[in-house]
């Protein structure tokens, strides 16, 4: 729910359907991937939540070395190189 602390389980669950796109097994993100991205945006309302979600995304990405950076950067706010502390 908005306003509650974002945790990595929520973020990982929201992004799980994006893995085929991020690894280029699929040519474009699925509707469920897009819904997951929107869910993260809904969950991360405060600056602290946005930064927490960012850190969760970066941690999850580290577990998938075959993620294509160009695919990740094409999704809103998804990148391994994002400086989570600079998010405002």
Protein backbone atom coordinates (compact mmCIF):
# COMPACT_ATOMS: atom_id res chain seq x y z
CA UNK A 1 0.00 0.00 0.00
CA UNK A 2 1.21 3.52 -0.63
CA UNK A 3 2.84 5.14 2.36
CA UNK A 4 4.13 1.89 3.82
CA UNK A 5 7.81 1.02 3.72
CA UNK A 6 8.83 -0.59 0.45
CA UNK A 7 10.55 -3.92 0.86
CA UNK A 8 12.52 -5.94 -1.64
CA UNK A 9 9.98 -8.77 -1.74
CA UNK A 10 7.41 -6.36 -3.16
CA UNK A 11 9.86 -4.96 -5.68
CA UNK A 12 11.15 -8.39 -6.74
CA UNK A 13 7.62 -9.69 -7.14
CA UNK A 14 6.67 -6.69 -9.24
CA UNK A 15 9.70 -7.09 -11.51
CA UNK A 16 9.71 -10.88 -11.86
CA UNK A 17 7.74 -10.83 -15.11
CA UNK A 18 10.26 -8.39 -16.61
CA UNK A 19 13.14 -10.88 -16.52
CA UNK A 20 12.45 -12.32 -20.01
CA UNK A 21 12.60 -8.81 -21.48
CA UNK A 22 15.61 -7.76 -19.41
CA UNK A 23 17.56 -10.81 -20.56
CA UNK A 24 16.32 -10.32 -24.14
CA UNK A 25 14.46 -13.63 -24.23
CA UNK A 26 11.46 -11.42 -25.16
CA UNK A 27 11.76 -8.53 -27.61
CA UNK A 28 9.51 -6.21 -25.63
CA UNK A 29 8.20 -5.94 -22.07
CA UNK A 30 5.00 -7.84 -21.36
CA UNK A 31 1.84 -6.20 -20.11
CA UNK A 32 2.48 -7.80 -16.71
CA UNK A 33 6.00 -6.33 -16.65
CA UNK A 34 4.58 -2.87 -17.34
CA UNK A 35 2.01 -3.40 -14.60
CA UNK A 36 4.81 -4.38 -12.23
CA UNK A 37 6.72 -1.17 -13.00
CA UNK A 38 3.56 0.84 -12.35
CA UNK A 39 3.08 -1.05 -9.08
CA UNK A 40 6.56 -0.07 -7.91
CA UNK A 41 5.82 3.56 -8.72
CA UNK A 42 2.62 3.30 -6.67
CA UNK A 43 4.45 1.68 -3.76
CA UNK A 44 7.32 4.15 -3.74
CA UNK A 45 5.66 7.44 -2.89
CA UNK A 46 8.19 8.97 -0.51
CA UNK A 47 11.83 9.79 -1.20
CA UNK A 48 12.90 7.10 1.25
CA UNK A 49 10.67 4.53 -0.49
CA UNK A 50 12.03 5.49 -3.92
CA UNK A 51 15.58 5.07 -2.72
CA UNK A 52 14.72 1.76 -1.03
CA UNK A 53 13.08 0.46 -4.22
CA UNK A 54 16.12 1.56 -6.22
CA UNK A 55 18.43 -0.39 -3.92
CA UNK A 56 16.19 -3.45 -4.19
CA UNK A 57 16.29 -3.26 -7.98
CA UNK A 58 20.08 -2.99 -8.03
CA UNK A 59 20.42 -5.92 -5.62
CA UNK A 60 18.06 -8.06 -7.70
CA UNK A 61 19.88 -7.15 -10.91
CA UNK A 62 23.15 -8.37 -9.42
CA UNK A 63 21.64 -11.88 -9.28
CA UNK A 64 21.03 -11.84 -13.05
CA UNK A 65 24.38 -11.24 -14.80
CA UNK A 66 22.73 -11.80 -18.18
CA UNK A 67 20.50 -8.70 -17.88
CA UNK A 68 21.07 -6.44 -20.84
CA UNK A 69 21.78 -2.90 -19.71
CA UNK A 70 20.07 -1.39 -22.76
CA UNK A 71 16.89 -3.31 -21.95
CA UNK A 72 17.01 -2.25 -18.30
CA UNK A 73 17.57 1.40 -19.11
CA UNK A 74 14.61 1.36 -21.51
CA UNK A 75 12.25 0.72 -18.58
CA UNK A 76 11.37 3.75 -16.43
CA UNK A 77 13.68 4.12 -13.43
CA UNK A 78 15.35 0.74 -13.99
CA UNK A 79 19.11 0.70 -14.33
CA UNK A 80 22.02 -1.00 -12.64
CA UNK A 81 23.96 2.26 -12.70
CA UNK A 82 21.40 4.50 -11.03
CA UNK A 83 22.76 6.38 -8.03
CA UNK A 84 19.99 5.62 -5.54
CA UNK A 85 21.04 8.46 -3.23
CA UNK A 86 20.64 10.98 -6.05
CA UNK A 87 16.97 10.08 -6.57
CA UNK A 88 14.71 12.94 -5.59
